[in-house]
Amino acid sequence: MTNFFTTAKYRPHSRKDHRYEIPKLHLKIGDQDFDTYDWSLGGFRIDDYRGRPPVGELVTINCMAYAPDTSADVKATATVTRILLGRNQVAFAFNQLDDKSFDLLEVASMRRLSKLAER
């Protein structure tokens, strides 16, 4: 009997943390600035960029913000998990979050609820 493994759009998401599109996160990876497509406490997606490390490699996040007045210098690391070629995007999973970055992500997720209420 042949076993099949379903991938892509036919496979349900099995992520632990739901990803949010708003508020957008602003991240500084190395010396480059990015805005996220979506994010969660587990990871994020951004535009592809020149000098992108390959899948499995670790990057350092130096700064995070969800609004202009919320910018914080952080010490966080993330691993490149997927390259979405058709969308020209890169997905990352957080490896390590310092207290500042964790707190910022928690507040941003609460801010999301207030933004949704405004709609």
PDB file of N, CA and C in Angstrom:
ATOM      1  N   MET A   1       0.849  -1.182   0.000  1.00  0.00           N
ATOM      2  CA  MET A   1       0.000   0.000   0.000  1.00  0.00           C
ATOM      3  C   MET A   1       0.891   1.240   0.000  1.00  0.00           C
ATOM      4  N   THR A   2       0.565   2.214  -0.825  1.00  0.00           N
ATOM      5  CA  THR A   2       1.334   3.448  -0.941  1.00  0.00           C
ATOM      6  C   THR A   2       0.801   4.489   0.038  1.00  0.00           C
ATOM      7  N   ASN A   3       1.741   5.132   0.744  1.00  0.00           N
ATOM      8  CA  ASN A   3       1.362   6.220   1.638  1.00  0.00           C
ATOM      9  C   ASN A   3       1.576   7.546   0.932  1.00  0.00           C
ATOM     10  N   PHE A   4       0.639   8.455   1.090  1.00  0.00           N
ATOM     11  CA  PHE A   4       0.747   9.770   0.481  1.00  0.00           C
ATOM     12  C   PHE A   4       0.864  10.827   1.565  1.00  0.00           C
ATOM     13  N   PHE A   5       1.615  11.853   1.273  1.00  0.00           N
ATOM     14  CA  PHE A   5       1.769  12.978   2.178  1.00  0.00           C
ATOM     15  C   PHE A   5       1.244  14.216   1.467  1.00  0.00           C
ATOM     16  N   THR A   6       0.229  14.841   2.016  1.00  0.00           N
ATOM     17  CA  THR A   6      -0.398  15.996   1.382  1.00  0.00           C
ATOM     18  C   THR A   6       0.383  17.257   1.705  1.00  0.00           C
ATOM     19  N   THR A   7       0.650  18.060   0.675  1.00  0.00           N
ATOM     20  CA  THR A   7       1.394  19.303   0.877  1.00  0.00           C
ATOM     21  C   THR A   7       0.633  20.482   0.301  1.00  0.00           C
ATOM     22  N   ALA A   8       1.201  21.648   0.494  1.00  0.00           N
ATOM     23  CA  ALA A   8       0.734  22.906  -0.095  1.00  0.00           C
ATOM     24  C   ALA A   8      -0.674  23.256   0.367  1.00  0.00           C
ATOM     25  N   LYS A   9      -1.505  23.721  -0.568  1.00  0.00           N
ATOM     26  CA  LYS A   9      -2.794  24.278  -0.183  1.00  0.00           C
ATOM     27  C   LYS A   9      -3.790  23.241   0.320  1.00  0.00           C
ATOM     28  N   TYR A  10      -3.545  21.951   0.097  1.00  0.00           N
ATOM     29  CA  TYR A  10      -4.485  20.922   0.520  1.00  0.00           C
ATOM     30  C   TYR A  10      -4.218  20.438   1.937  1.00  0.00           C
ATOM     31  N   ARG A  11      -3.126  20.865   2.514  1.00  0.00           N
ATOM     32  CA  ARG A  11      -2.760  20.426   3.856  1.00  0.00           C
ATOM     33  C   ARG A  11      -3.143  21.510   4.859  1.00  0.00           C
ATOM     34  N   PRO A  12      -3.840  21.158   5.932  1.00  0.00           N
ATOM     35  CA  PRO A  12      -4.207  22.173   6.922  1.00  0.00           C
ATOM     36  C   PRO A  12      -2.963  22.670   7.669  1.00  0.00           C
ATOM     37  N   HIS A  13      -3.045  23.932   8.144  1.00  0.00           N
ATOM     38  CA  HIS A  13      -1.933  24.476   8.907  1.00  0.00           C
ATOM     39  C   HIS A  13      -1.803  23.737  10.229  1.00  0.00           C
ATOM     40  N   SER A  14      -0.580  23.446  10.616  1.00  0.00           N
ATOM     41  CA  SER A  14      -0.357  22.788  11.891  1.00  0.00           C
ATOM     42  C   SER A  14       0.471  23.667  12.814  1.00  0.00           C
ATOM     43  N   ARG A  15       0.468  24.980  12.573  1.00  0.00           N
ATOM     44  CA  ARG A  15       1.272  25.883  13.392  1.00  0.00           C
ATOM     45  C   ARG A  15       0.638  26.058  14.758  1.00  0.00           C
ATOM     46  N   LYS A  16       1.498  26.202  15.749  1.00  0.00           N
ATOM     47  CA  LYS A  16       1.064  26.378  17.127  1.00  0.00           C
ATOM     48  C   LYS A  16       0.550  27.796  17.370  1.00  0.00           C
ATOM     49  N   ASP A  17       1.232  28.797  16.792  1.00  0.00           N
ATOM     50  CA  ASP A  17       0.875  30.198  16.989  1.00  0.00           C
ATOM     51  C   ASP A  17       0.256  30.747  15.720  1.00  0.00           C
ATOM     52  N   HIS A  18      -0.937  31.332  15.843  1.00  0.00           N
ATOM     53  CA  HIS A  18      -1.606  31.936  14.690  1.00  0.00           C
ATOM     54  C   HIS A  18      -0.860  33.197  14.271  1.00  0.00           C
ATOM     55  N   ARG A  19      -0.678  33.403  12.979  1.00  0.00           N
ATOM     56  CA  ARG A  19       0.039  34.580  12.479  1.00  0.00           C
ATOM     57  C   ARG A  19      -0.920  35.738  12.242  1.00  0.00           C
ATOM     58  N   TYR A  20      -0.432  36.951  12.553  1.00  0.00           N
ATOM     59  CA  TYR A  20      -1.213  38.172  12.418  1.00  0.00           C
ATOM     60  C   TYR A  20      -0.674  39.025  11.283  1.00  0.00           C
ATOM     61  N   GLU A  21      -1.577  39.661  10.546  1.00  0.00           N
ATOM     62  CA  GLU A  21      -1.168  40.589   9.498  1.00  0.00           C
ATOM     63  C   GLU A  21      -1.077  42.012  10.036  1.00  0.00           C
ATOM     64  N   ILE A  22      -1.866  42.323  11.069  1.00  0.00           N
ATOM     65  CA  ILE A  22      -1.803  43.659  11.668  1.00  0.00           C
ATOM     66  C   ILE A  22      -1.594  43.532  13.168  1.00  0.00           C
ATOM     67  N   PRO A  23      -0.922  44.444  13.784  1.00  0.00           N
ATOM     68  CA  PRO A  23      -0.154  45.511  13.160  1.00  0.00           C
ATOM     69  C   PRO A  23       1.089  44.940  12.488  1.00  0.00           C
ATOM     70  N   LYS A  24       1.551  45.594  11.447  1.00  0.00           N
ATOM     71  CA  LYS A  24       2.781  45.175  10.783  1.00  0.00           C
ATOM     72  C   LYS A  24       3.943  45.352  11.756  1.00  0.00           C
ATOM     73  N   LEU A  25       4.853  44.400  11.768  1.00  0.00           N
ATOM     74  CA  LEU A  25       6.074  44.560  12.555  1.00  0.00           C
ATOM     75  C   LEU A  25       7.146  45.157  11.668  1.00  0.00           C
ATOM     76  N   HIS A  26       7.946  46.004  12.235  1.00  0.00           N
ATOM     77  CA  HIS A  26       9.124  46.543  11.554  1.00  0.00           C
ATOM     78  C   HIS A  26      10.324  45.897  12.229  1.00  0.00           C
ATOM     79  N   LEU A  27      11.144  45.202  11.441  1.00  0.00           N
ATOM     80  CA  LEU A  27      12.298  44.473  11.972  1.00  0.00           C
ATOM     81  C   LEU A  27      13.577  44.953  11.323  1.00  0.00           C
ATOM     82  N   LYS A  28      14.649  44.924  12.078  1.00  0.00           N
ATOM     83  CA  LYS A  28      15.967  45.188  11.517  1.00  0.00           C
ATOM     84  C   LYS A  28      16.750  43.889  11.640  1.00  0.00           C
ATOM     85  N   ILE A  29      17.058  43.301  10.483  1.00  0.00           N
ATOM     86  CA  ILE A  29      17.841  42.062  10.423  1.00  0.00           C
ATOM     87  C   ILE A  29      19.205  42.446   9.887  1.00  0.00           C
ATOM     88  N   GLY A  30      20.230  42.303  10.719  1.00  0.00           N
ATOM     89  CA  GLY A  30      21.549  42.803  10.345  1.00  0.00           C
ATOM     90  C   GLY A  30      21.452  44.303  10.196  1.00  0.00           C
ATOM     91  N   ASP A  31      21.749  44.823   9.002  1.00  0.00           N
ATOM     92  CA  ASP A  31      21.640  46.271   8.769  1.00  0.00           C
ATOM     93  C   ASP A  31      20.507  46.612   7.804  1.00  0.00           C
ATOM     94  N   GLN A  32      19.586  45.653   7.572  1.00  0.00           N
ATOM     95  CA  GLN A  32      18.477  45.868   6.644  1.00  0.00           C
ATOM     96  C   GLN A  32      17.141  45.942   7.389  1.00  0.00           C
ATOM     97  N   ASP A  33      16.279  46.859   6.955  1.00  0.00           N
ATOM     98  CA  ASP A  33      14.959  47.040   7.557  1.00  0.00           C
ATOM     99  C   ASP A  33      13.881  46.339   6.733  1.00  0.00           C
ATOM    100  N   PHE A  34      12.911  45.733   7.440  1.00  0.00           N
ATOM    101  CA  PHE A  34      11.822  45.006   6.785  1.00  0.00           C
ATOM    102  C   PHE A  34      10.519  45.237   7.522  1.00  0.00           C
ATOM    103  N   ASP A  35       9.412  45.196   6.777  1.00  0.00           N
ATOM    104  CA  ASP A  35       8.074  45.143   7.343  1.00  0.00           C
ATOM    105  C   ASP A  35       7.526  43.753   7.072  1.00  0.00           C
ATOM    106  N   THR A  36       6.837  43.202   8.041  1.00  0.00           N
ATOM    107  CA  THR A  36       6.350  41.833   7.911  1.00  0.00           C
ATOM    108  C   THR A  36       5.058  41.759   7.106  1.00  0.00           C
ATOM    109  N   TYR A  37       4.843  40.585   6.476  1.00  0.00           N
ATOM    110  CA  TYR A  37       3.549  40.262   5.879  1.00  0.00           C
ATOM    111  C   TYR A  37       2.638  39.735   6.972  1.00  0.00           C
ATOM    112  N   ASP A  38       3.189  38.871   7.804  1.00  0.00           N
ATOM    113  CA  ASP A  38       2.483  38.356   8.962  1.00  0.00           C
ATOM    114  C   ASP A  38       3.513  37.903   9.989  1.00  0.00           C
ATOM    115  N   TRP A  39       3.052  37.672  11.223  1.00  0.00           N
ATOM    116  CA  TRP A  39       3.961  37.323  12.307  1.00  0.00           C
ATOM    117  C   TRP A  39       3.183  36.655  13.437  1.00  0.00           C
ATOM    118  N   SER A  40       3.925  36.015  14.316  1.00  0.00           N
ATOM    119  CA  SER A  40       3.366  35.423  15.529  1.00  0.00           C
ATOM    120  C   SER A  40       4.508  35.310  16.532  1.00  0.00           C
ATOM    121  N   LEU A  41       4.223  34.747  17.675  1.00  0.00           N
ATOM    122  CA  LEU A  41       5.295  34.485  18.645  1.00  0.00           C
ATOM    123  C   LEU A  41       6.228  33.391  18.125  1.00  0.00           C
ATOM    124  N   GLY A  42       5.814  32.704  17.073  1.00  0.00           N
ATOM    125  CA  GLY A  42       6.626  31.634  16.506  1.00  0.00           C
ATOM    126  C   GLY A  42       7.505  32.043  15.350  1.00  0.00           C
ATOM    127  N   GLY A  43       7.142  33.130  14.613  1.00  0.00           N
ATOM    128  CA  GLY A  43       7.943  33.518  13.458  1.00  0.00           C
ATOM    129  C   GLY A  43       7.302  34.640  12.664  1.00  0.00           C
ATOM    130  N   PHE A  44       7.805  34.841  11.434  1.00  0.00           N
ATOM    131  CA  PHE A  44       7.337  35.945  10.596  1.00  0.00           C
ATOM    132  C   PHE A  44       7.713  35.699   9.150  1.00  0.00           C
ATOM    133  N   ARG A  45       7.061  36.483   8.236  1.00  0.00           N
ATOM    134  CA  ARG A  45       7.358  36.448   6.802  1.00  0.00           C
ATOM    135  C   ARG A  45       7.688  37.851   6.337  1.00  0.00           C
ATOM    136  N   ILE A  46       8.732  37.972   5.498  1.00  0.00           N
ATOM    137  CA  ILE A  46       9.139  39.263   4.946  1.00  0.00           C
ATOM    138  C   ILE A  46       9.457  39.107   3.459  1.00  0.00           C
ATOM    139  N   ASP A  47       9.716  40.252   2.794  1.00  0.00           N
ATOM    140  CA  ASP A  47      10.192  40.208   1.413  1.00  0.00           C
ATOM    141  C   ASP A  47      11.543  39.514   1.351  1.00  0.00           C
ATOM    142  N   ASP A  48      11.798  38.844   0.235  1.00  0.00           N
ATOM    143  CA  ASP A  48      13.115  38.279   0.001  1.00  0.00           C
ATOM    144  C   ASP A  48      14.110  39.428  -0.122  1.00  0.00           C
ATOM    145  N   TYR A  49      15.367  39.163   0.150  1.00  0.00           N
ATOM    146  CA  TYR A  49      16.353  40.231   0.118  1.00  0.00           C
ATOM    147  C   TYR A  49      17.718  39.723  -0.327  1.00  0.00           C
ATOM    148  N   ARG A  50      18.489  40.652  -0.840  1.00  0.00           N
ATOM    149  CA  ARG A  50      19.835  40.335  -1.309  1.00  0.00           C
ATOM    150  C   ARG A  50      20.686  39.873  -0.116  1.00  0.00           C
ATOM    151  N   GLY A  51      21.414  38.819  -0.305  1.00  0.00           N
ATOM    152  CA  GLY A  51      22.259  38.298   0.760  1.00  0.00           C
ATOM    153  C   GLY A  51      21.519  37.400   1.737  1.00  0.00           C
ATOM    154  N   ARG A  52      20.299  37.000   1.361  1.00  0.00           N
ATOM    155  CA  ARG A  52      19.527  36.123   2.238  1.00  0.00           C
ATOM    156  C   ARG A  52      20.288  34.833   2.509  1.00  0.00           C
ATOM    157  N   PRO A  53      20.361  34.428   3.779  1.00  0.00           N
ATOM    158  CA  PRO A  53      20.993  33.142   4.077  1.00  0.00           C
ATOM    159  C   PRO A  53      20.100  31.986   3.619  1.00  0.00           C
ATOM    160  N   PRO A  54      20.667  30.817   3.426  1.00  0.00           N
ATOM    161  CA  PRO A  54      19.873  29.662   2.983  1.00  0.00           C
ATOM    162  C   PRO A  54      18.978  29.127   4.101  1.00  0.00           C
ATOM    163  N   VAL A  55      18.029  28.292   3.723  1.00  0.00           N
ATOM    164  CA  VAL A  55      17.137  27.646   4.689  1.00  0.00           C
ATOM    165  C   VAL A  55      17.981  26.952   5.755  1.00  0.00           C
ATOM    166  N   GLY A  56      17.599  27.161   7.003  1.00  0.00           N
ATOM    167  CA  GLY A  56      18.299  26.540   8.124  1.00  0.00           C
ATOM    168  C   GLY A  56      19.310  27.451   8.804  1.00  0.00           C
ATOM    169  N   GLU A  57      19.641  28.553   8.163  1.00  0.00           N
ATOM    170  CA  GLU A  57      20.648  29.432   8.751  1.00  0.00           C
ATOM    171  C   GLU A  57      20.009  30.419   9.727  1.00  0.00           C
ATOM    172  N   LEU A  58      20.785  30.820  10.716  1.00  0.00           N
ATOM    173  CA  LEU A  58      20.335  31.712  11.776  1.00  0.00           C
ATOM    174  C   LEU A  58      20.616  33.168  11.424  1.00  0.00           C
ATOM    175  N   VAL A  59      19.652  34.066  11.711  1.00  0.00           N
ATOM    176  CA  VAL A  59      19.845  35.505  11.534  1.00  0.00           C
ATOM    177  C   VAL A  59      19.618  36.189  12.877  1.00  0.00           C
ATOM    178  N   THR A  60      20.166  37.398  13.004  1.00  0.00           N
ATOM    179  CA  THR A  60      20.005  38.182  14.226  1.00  0.00           C
ATOM    180  C   THR A  60      19.092  39.367  13.960  1.00  0.00           C
ATOM    181  N   ILE A  61      18.135  39.563  14.850  1.00  0.00           N
ATOM    182  CA  ILE A  61      17.219  40.696  14.778  1.00  0.00           C
ATOM    183  C   ILE A  61      17.651  41.695  15.843  1.00  0.00           C
ATOM    184  N   ASN A  62      17.974  42.925  15.394  1.00  0.00           N
ATOM    185  CA  ASN A  62      18.517  43.941  16.296  1.00  0.00           C
ATOM    186  C   ASN A  62      17.479  44.914  16.814  1.00  0.00           C
ATOM    187  N   CYS A  63      16.383  45.094  16.065  1.00  0.00           N
ATOM    188  CA  CYS A  63      15.388  46.097  16.425  1.00  0.00           C
ATOM    189  C   CYS A  63      14.013  45.606  15.995  1.00  0.00           C
ATOM    190  N   MET A  64      12.986  45.923  16.807  1.00  0.00           N
ATOM    191  CA  MET A  64      11.601  45.571  16.500  1.00  0.00           C
ATOM    192  C   MET A  64      10.713  46.749  16.839  1.00  0.00           C
ATOM    193  N   ALA A  65       9.630  46.894  16.075  1.00  0.00           N
ATOM    194  CA  ALA A  65       8.621  47.912  16.368  1.00  0.00           C
ATOM    195  C   ALA A  65       7.316  47.497  15.722  1.00  0.00           C
ATOM    196  N   TYR A  66       6.193  47.929  16.296  1.00  0.00           N
ATOM    197  CA  TYR A  66       4.897  47.739  15.654  1.00  0.00           C
ATOM    198  C   TYR A  66       4.229  49.072  15.360  1.00  0.00           C
ATOM    199  N   ALA A  67       4.855  50.167  15.804  1.00  0.00           N
ATOM    200  CA  ALA A  67       4.426  51.532  15.523  1.00  0.00           C
ATOM    201  C   ALA A  67       5.653  52.417  15.692  1.00  0.00           C
ATOM    202  N   PRO A  68       5.667  53.600  15.102  1.00  0.00           N
ATOM    203  CA  PRO A  68       6.863  54.453  15.174  1.00  0.00           C
ATOM    204  C   PRO A  68       7.371  54.722  16.589  1.00  0.00           C
ATOM    205  N   ASP A  69       6.464  54.835  17.560  1.00  0.00           N
ATOM    206  CA  ASP A  69       6.882  55.140  18.928  1.00  0.00           C
ATOM    207  C   ASP A  69       7.174  53.904  19.779  1.00  0.00           C
ATOM    208  N   THR A  70       7.199  52.713  19.164  1.00  0.00           N
ATOM    209  CA  THR A  70       7.422  51.484  19.933  1.00  0.00           C
ATOM    210  C   THR A  70       8.748  50.810  19.620  1.00  0.00           C
ATOM    211  N   SER A  71       9.625  51.474  18.916  1.00  0.00           N
ATOM    212  CA  SER A  71      10.895  50.874  18.507  1.00  0.00           C
ATOM    213  C   SER A  71      11.731  50.476  19.726  1.00  0.00           C
ATOM    214  N   ALA A  72      12.254  49.245  19.690  1.00  0.00           N
ATOM    215  CA  ALA A  72      13.071  48.749  20.786  1.00  0.00           C
ATOM    216  C   ALA A  72      14.267  47.986  20.234  1.00  0.00           C
ATOM    217  N   ASP A  73      15.433  48.248  20.802  1.00  0.00           N
ATOM    218  CA  ASP A  73      16.605  47.447  20.477  1.00  0.00           C
ATOM    219  C   ASP A  73      16.442  46.108  21.176  1.00  0.00           C
ATOM    220  N   VAL A  74      16.551  45.026  20.398  1.00  0.00           N
ATOM    221  CA  VAL A  74      16.324  43.687  20.939  1.00  0.00           C
ATOM    222  C   VAL A  74      17.495  42.773  20.584  1.00  0.00           C
ATOM    223  N   LYS A  75      17.507  41.631  21.235  1.00  0.00           N
ATOM    224  CA  LYS A  75      18.461  40.570  20.911  1.00  0.00           C
ATOM    225  C   LYS A  75      17.639  39.318  20.661  1.00  0.00           C
ATOM    226  N   ALA A  76      17.336  39.095  19.400  1.00  0.00           N
ATOM    227  CA  ALA A  76      16.525  37.940  19.013  1.00  0.00           C
ATOM    228  C   ALA A  76      17.191  37.243  17.838  1.00  0.00           C
ATOM    229  N   THR A  77      16.961  35.948  17.732  1.00  0.00           N
ATOM    230  CA  THR A  77      17.466  35.185  16.590  1.00  0.00           C
ATOM    231  C   THR A  77      16.305  34.427  15.957  1.00  0.00           C
ATOM    232  N   ALA A  78      16.458  34.182  14.655  1.00  0.00           N
ATOM    233  CA  ALA A  78      15.445  33.437  13.903  1.00  0.00           C
ATOM    234  C   ALA A  78      16.146  32.593  12.847  1.00  0.00           C
ATOM    235  N   THR A  79      15.510  31.510  12.472  1.00  0.00           N
ATOM    236  CA  THR A  79      16.037  30.605  11.454  1.00  0.00           C
ATOM    237  C   THR A  79      15.208  30.734  10.187  1.00  0.00           C
ATOM    238  N   VAL A  80      15.881  30.765   9.039  1.00  0.00           N
ATOM    239  CA  VAL A  80      15.183  30.758   7.757  1.00  0.00           C
ATOM    240  C   VAL A  80      14.531  29.385   7.617  1.00  0.00           C
ATOM    241  N   THR A  81      13.194  29.372   7.466  1.00  0.00           N
ATOM    242  CA  THR A  81      12.495  28.091   7.372  1.00  0.00           C
ATOM    243  C   THR A  81      11.999  27.766   5.971  1.00  0.00           C
ATOM    244  N   ARG A  82      11.590  28.807   5.211  1.00  0.00           N
ATOM    245  CA  ARG A  82      11.068  28.572   3.867  1.00  0.00           C
ATOM    246  C   ARG A  82      11.368  29.755   2.983  1.00  0.00           C
ATOM    247  N   ILE A  83      11.525  29.469   1.699  1.00  0.00           N
ATOM    248  CA  ILE A  83      11.623  30.496   0.671  1.00  0.00           C
ATOM    249  C   ILE A  83      10.384  30.324  -0.203  1.00  0.00           C
ATOM    250  N   LEU A  84       9.566  31.349  -0.306  1.00  0.00           N
ATOM    251  CA  LEU A  84       8.355  31.291  -1.114  1.00  0.00           C
ATOM    252  C   LEU A  84       8.668  31.956  -2.443  1.00  0.00           C
ATOM    253  N   LEU A  85       9.163  31.186  -3.387  1.00  0.00           N
ATOM    254  CA  LEU A  85       9.661  31.728  -4.646  1.00  0.00           C
ATOM    255  C   LEU A  85       8.602  32.461  -5.449  1.00  0.00           C
ATOM    256  N   GLY A  86       7.428  31.926  -5.573  1.00  0.00           N
ATOM    257  CA  GLY A  86       6.378  32.577  -6.354  1.00  0.00           C
ATOM    258  C   GLY A  86       5.926  33.895  -5.755  1.00  0.00           C
ATOM    259  N   ARG A  87       6.127  34.058  -4.469  1.00  0.00           N
ATOM    260  CA  ARG A  87       5.715  35.281  -3.784  1.00  0.00           C
ATOM    261  C   ARG A  87       6.903  36.187  -3.463  1.00  0.00           C
ATOM    262  N   ASN A  88       8.106  35.704  -3.697  1.00  0.00           N
ATOM    263  CA  ASN A  88       9.321  36.464  -3.399  1.00  0.00           C
ATOM    264  C   ASN A  88       9.372  36.836  -1.909  1.00  0.00           C
ATOM    265  N   GLN A  89       9.124  35.834  -1.054  1.00  0.00           N
ATOM    266  CA  GLN A  89       9.098  36.028   0.393  1.00  0.00           C
ATOM    267  C   GLN A  89       9.968  34.995   1.091  1.00  0.00           C
ATOM    268  N   VAL A  90      10.348  35.326   2.323  1.00  0.00           N
ATOM    269  CA  VAL A  90      11.133  34.422   3.165  1.00  0.00           C
ATOM    270  C   VAL A  90      10.405  34.274   4.495  1.00  0.00           C
ATOM    271  N   ALA A  91      10.288  33.042   4.973  1.00  0.00           N
ATOM    272  CA  ALA A  91       9.653  32.774   6.262  1.00  0.00           C
ATOM    273  C   ALA A  91      10.733  32.397   7.274  1.00  0.00           C
ATOM    274  N   PHE A  92      10.540  32.862   8.506  1.00  0.00           N
ATOM    275  CA  PHE A  92      11.492  32.626   9.586  1.00  0.00           C
ATOM    276  C   PHE A  92      10.767  32.078  10.806  1.00  0.00           C
ATOM    277  N   ALA A  93      11.473  31.304  11.616  1.00  0.00           N
ATOM    278  CA  ALA A  93      10.974  30.857  12.915  1.00  0.00           C
ATOM    279  C   ALA A  93      11.886  31.453  13.977  1.00  0.00           C
ATOM    280  N   PHE A  94      11.288  32.068  14.996  1.00  0.00           N
ATOM    281  CA  PHE A  94      12.094  32.602  16.085  1.00  0.00           C
ATOM    282  C   PHE A  94      12.790  31.463  16.820  1.00  0.00           C
ATOM    283  N   ASN A  95      14.061  31.662  17.118  1.00  0.00           N
ATOM    284  CA  ASN A  95      14.803  30.700  17.931  1.00  0.00           C
ATOM    285  C   ASN A  95      14.884  31.175  19.371  1.00  0.00           C
ATOM    286  N   GLN A  96      15.190  32.458  19.501  1.00  0.00           N
ATOM    287  CA  GLN A  96      15.383  33.017  20.820  1.00  0.00           C
ATOM    288  C   GLN A  96      14.865  34.452  20.836  1.00  0.00           C
ATOM    289  N   LEU A  97      14.090  34.764  21.843  1.00  0.00           N
ATOM    290  CA  LEU A  97      13.566  36.114  22.035  1.00  0.00           C
ATOM    291  C   LEU A  97      14.002  36.599  23.410  1.00  0.00           C
ATOM    292  N   ASP A  98      14.611  37.787  23.479  1.00  0.00           N
ATOM    293  CA  ASP A  98      14.906  38.345  24.789  1.00  0.00           C
ATOM    294  C   ASP A  98      13.617  38.897  25.384  1.00  0.00           C
ATOM    295  N   ASP A  99      13.670  39.359  26.624  1.00  0.00           N
ATOM    296  CA  ASP A  99      12.468  39.847  27.297  1.00  0.00           C
ATOM    297  C   ASP A  99      11.823  41.006  26.551  1.00  0.00           C
ATOM    298  N   LYS A 100      12.638  41.933  26.022  1.00  0.00           N
ATOM    299  CA  LYS A 100      12.093  43.089  25.299  1.00  0.00           C
ATOM    300  C   LYS A 100      11.311  42.661  24.066  1.00  0.00           C
ATOM    301  N   SER A 101      11.882  41.754  23.290  1.00  0.00           N
ATOM    302  CA  SER A 101      11.197  41.339  22.061  1.00  0.00           C
ATOM    303  C   SER A 101       9.932  40.545  22.373  1.00  0.00           C
ATOM    304  N   PHE A 102       9.969  39.695  23.394  1.00  0.00           N
ATOM    305  CA  PHE A 102       8.775  38.934  23.768  1.00  0.00           C
ATOM    306  C   PHE A 102       7.672  39.878  24.231  1.00  0.00           C
ATOM    307  N   ASP A 103       8.026  40.838  25.083  1.00  0.00           N
ATOM    308  CA  ASP A 103       7.044  41.807  25.569  1.00  0.00           C
ATOM    309  C   ASP A 103       6.460  42.618  24.419  1.00  0.00           C
ATOM    310  N   LEU A 104       7.314  43.061  23.488  1.00  0.00           N
ATOM    311  CA  LEU A 104       6.849  43.839  22.347  1.00  0.00           C
ATOM    312  C   LEU A 104       5.863  43.040  21.510  1.00  0.00           C
ATOM    313  N   LEU A 105       6.141  41.766  21.275  1.00  0.00           N
ATOM    314  CA  LEU A 105       5.239  40.921  20.495  1.00  0.00           C
ATOM    315  C   LEU A 105       3.911  40.712  21.219  1.00  0.00           C
ATOM    316  N   GLU A 106       3.952  40.561  22.529  1.00  0.00           N
ATOM    317  CA  GLU A 106       2.717  40.396  23.296  1.00  0.00           C
ATOM    318  C   GLU A 106       1.854  41.656  23.221  1.00  0.00           C
ATOM    319  N   VAL A 107       2.479  42.825  23.398  1.00  0.00           N
ATOM    320  CA  VAL A 107       1.731  44.086  23.325  1.00  0.00           C
ATOM    321  C   VAL A 107       1.179  44.291  21.914  1.00  0.00           C
ATOM    322  N   ALA A 108       1.978  43.962  20.909  1.00  0.00           N
ATOM    323  CA  ALA A 108       1.518  44.106  19.521  1.00  0.00           C
ATOM    324  C   ALA A 108       0.317  43.203  19.247  1.00  0.00           C
ATOM    325  N   SER A 109       0.296  42.015  19.820  1.00  0.00           N
ATOM    326  CA  SER A 109      -0.846  41.124  19.603  1.00  0.00           C
ATOM    327  C   SER A 109      -2.098  41.680  20.279  1.00  0.00           C
ATOM    328  N   MET A 110      -1.939  42.347  21.426  1.00  0.00           N
ATOM    329  CA  MET A 110      -3.077  42.993  22.075  1.00  0.00           C
ATOM    330  C   MET A 110      -3.531  44.224  21.281  1.00  0.00           C
ATOM    331  N   ARG A 111      -2.574  44.948  20.730  1.00  0.00           N
ATOM    332  CA  ARG A 111      -2.896  46.125  19.916  1.00  0.00           C
ATOM    333  C   ARG A 111      -3.705  45.713  18.687  1.00  0.00           C
ATOM    334  N   ARG A 112      -3.439  44.521  18.197  1.00  0.00           N
ATOM    335  CA  ARG A 112      -4.158  43.988  17.047  1.00  0.00           C
ATOM    336  C   ARG A 112      -5.654  43.972  17.319  1.00  0.00           C
ATOM    337  N   LEU A 113      -6.024  43.583  18.537  1.00  0.00           N
ATOM    338  CA  LEU A 113      -7.437  43.514  18.890  1.00  0.00           C
ATOM    339  C   LEU A 113      -8.077  44.904  18.836  1.00  0.00           C
ATOM    340  N   SER A 114      -7.361  45.926  19.294  1.00  0.00           N
ATOM    341  CA  SER A 114      -7.919  47.279  19.261  1.00  0.00           C
ATOM    342  C   SER A 114      -8.042  47.779  17.807  1.00  0.00           C
ATOM    343  N   LYS A 115      -7.086  47.413  16.947  1.00  0.00           N
ATOM    344  CA  LYS A 115      -7.167  47.799  15.536  1.00  0.00           C
ATOM    345  C   LYS A 115      -8.355  47.118  14.855  1.00  0.00           C
ATOM    346  N   LEU A 116      -8.591  45.856  15.200  1.00  0.00           N
ATOM    347  CA  LEU A 116      -9.730  45.148  14.626  1.00  0.00           C
ATOM    348  C   LEU A 116     -11.048  45.748  15.085  1.00  0.00           C
ATOM    349  N   ALA A 117     -11.093  46.231  16.319  1.00  0.00           N
ATOM    350  CA  ALA A 117     -12.312  46.844  16.847  1.00  0.00           C
ATOM    351  C   ALA A 117     -12.616  48.163  16.137  1.00  0.00           C
ATOM    352  N   GLU A 118     -11.583  48.846  15.623  1.00  0.00           N
ATOM    353  CA  GLU A 118     -11.759  50.120  14.925  1.00  0.00           C
ATOM    354  C   GLU A 118     -12.397  49.932  13.546  1.00  0.00           C
ATOM    355  N   ARG A 119     -12.301  48.756  12.985  1.00  0.00           N
ATOM    356  CA  ARG A 119     -12.795  48.507  11.614  1.00  0.00           C
ATOM    357  C   ARG A 119     -14.261  48.532  11.528  1.00  0.00           C
TER     358      ARG A 119
END
